[in-house]
Protein backbone atom coordinates (compact mmCIF):
# COMPACT_ATOMS: atom_id res chain seq x y z
CA MET A 1 0.03 0.05 0.03
CA ILE A 2 1.11 3.57 -0.76
CA PRO A 3 -0.04 6.71 1.02
CA PHE A 4 -1.59 9.28 -1.34
CA SER A 5 -3.00 12.61 -0.01
CA GLY A 6 -4.26 10.98 3.17
CA ALA A 7 -5.67 7.84 1.50
CA VAL A 8 -4.11 4.49 1.10
CA LEU A 9 -3.74 3.05 -2.44
CA LYS A 10 -3.59 -0.61 -3.00
CA LYS A 11 -1.92 -2.20 -6.03
CA ALA A 12 -4.49 -2.84 -8.69
CA PRO A 13 -4.24 -6.14 -10.69
CA ALA A 14 -3.35 -4.36 -13.84
CA GLY A 15 -0.38 -2.68 -12.17
CA GLY A 16 -1.97 0.67 -11.48
CA PHE A 17 -3.22 1.78 -8.11
CA PHE A 18 -6.64 1.41 -6.63
CA ASN A 19 -8.25 3.61 -4.04
CA PRO A 20 -11.73 2.75 -2.79
CA LEU A 21 -12.87 6.46 -2.72
CA PHE A 22 -12.01 6.98 -6.33
CA SER A 23 -13.67 3.64 -7.26
CA ILE A 24 -16.86 4.83 -5.61
CA LEU A 25 -16.69 7.96 -7.76
CA GLY A 26 -16.11 5.91 -10.81
CA MET A 27 -12.48 6.87 -11.49
CA ASP A 28 -9.26 5.24 -10.73
CA VAL A 29 -6.15 7.08 -9.57
CA GLN A 30 -4.51 7.18 -13.03
CA ASP A 31 -7.56 8.91 -14.49
CA LEU A 32 -7.51 11.47 -11.59
CA LEU A 33 -3.81 12.16 -12.11
CA ILE A 34 -4.36 12.68 -15.84
CA ARG A 35 -7.34 15.00 -15.21
CA SER A 36 -5.26 16.96 -12.77
CA GLN A 37 -2.43 17.19 -15.35
CA GLU A 38 -4.71 18.41 -17.83
CA ASN A 39 -5.99 21.07 -15.39
CA GLU A 40 -2.47 22.20 -14.68
CA ILE A 41 -1.50 22.75 -18.27
CA THR A 42 -4.84 24.55 -18.92
CA LYS A 43 -4.08 26.89 -15.98
CA HIS A 44 -0.53 27.44 -17.25
CA LEU A 45 -1.88 28.49 -20.68
CA VAL A 46 -4.55 30.75 -19.15
CA TYR A 47 -1.98 32.65 -16.84
CA LEU A 48 0.31 32.98 -19.82
CA LYS A 49 -2.48 34.48 -21.95
CA LEU A 50 -3.43 36.88 -19.10
CA ALA A 51 0.23 37.87 -18.66
CA GLY A 52 0.24 38.80 -22.29
CA ILE A 53 -2.38 41.39 -21.83
CA ALA A 54 -1.67 42.45 -18.23
CA GLY A 55 0.03 45.73 -17.39
CA LYS A 56 1.61 45.97 -14.01
CA ASN A 57 0.74 42.38 -12.96
CA ARG A 58 2.51 40.76 -15.90
CA GLN A 59 5.42 39.41 -13.77
CA VAL A 60 3.10 38.02 -11.16
CA LEU A 61 1.03 36.17 -13.73
CA GLN A 62 4.07 34.86 -15.47
CA LYS A 63 5.37 33.53 -12.12
CA ILE A 64 2.03 31.81 -11.48
CA ALA A 65 2.21 30.34 -15.00
CA ARG A 66 5.67 28.90 -14.24
CA GLU A 67 4.35 27.37 -11.07
CA GLU A 68 1.53 25.75 -12.96
CA MET A 69 4.05 24.26 -15.43
CA LYS A 70 6.02 22.77 -12.54
CA HIS A 71 2.77 21.19 -11.30
CA TYR A 72 2.05 19.90 -14.79
CA ARG A 73 5.54 18.31 -15.05
CA TRP A 74 5.17 16.67 -11.75
CA PHE A 75 1.87 15.06 -12.91
CA ALA A 76 3.63 14.05 -16.16
CA LYS A 77 6.26 12.11 -14.31
CA LYS A 78 3.61 10.21 -12.42
CA THR A 79 1.46 9.52 -15.50
CA GLY A 80 4.28 8.82 -17.94
CA ARG A 81 2.56 10.91 -20.58
CA GLU A 82 2.14 14.36 -22.09
CA VAL A 83 -1.44 15.74 -22.48
């Protein structure tokens, strides 16, 4: 078993991870990670776009965009794919 955000994940037969809570919700951990990864890249792109039209807040928005990209890369390592 592996701890994951306060929950315990058990090895699933197919080699992924299984969490009963996600199973109840109809999603497995891999699906959750991929969706989170997609959200991070989307937020990165939104902040970049906003930074392009922002005046005095440009640097702040660019910094947030860089942070979102770091999150995306973390999820990409966990999922083993680019989205």
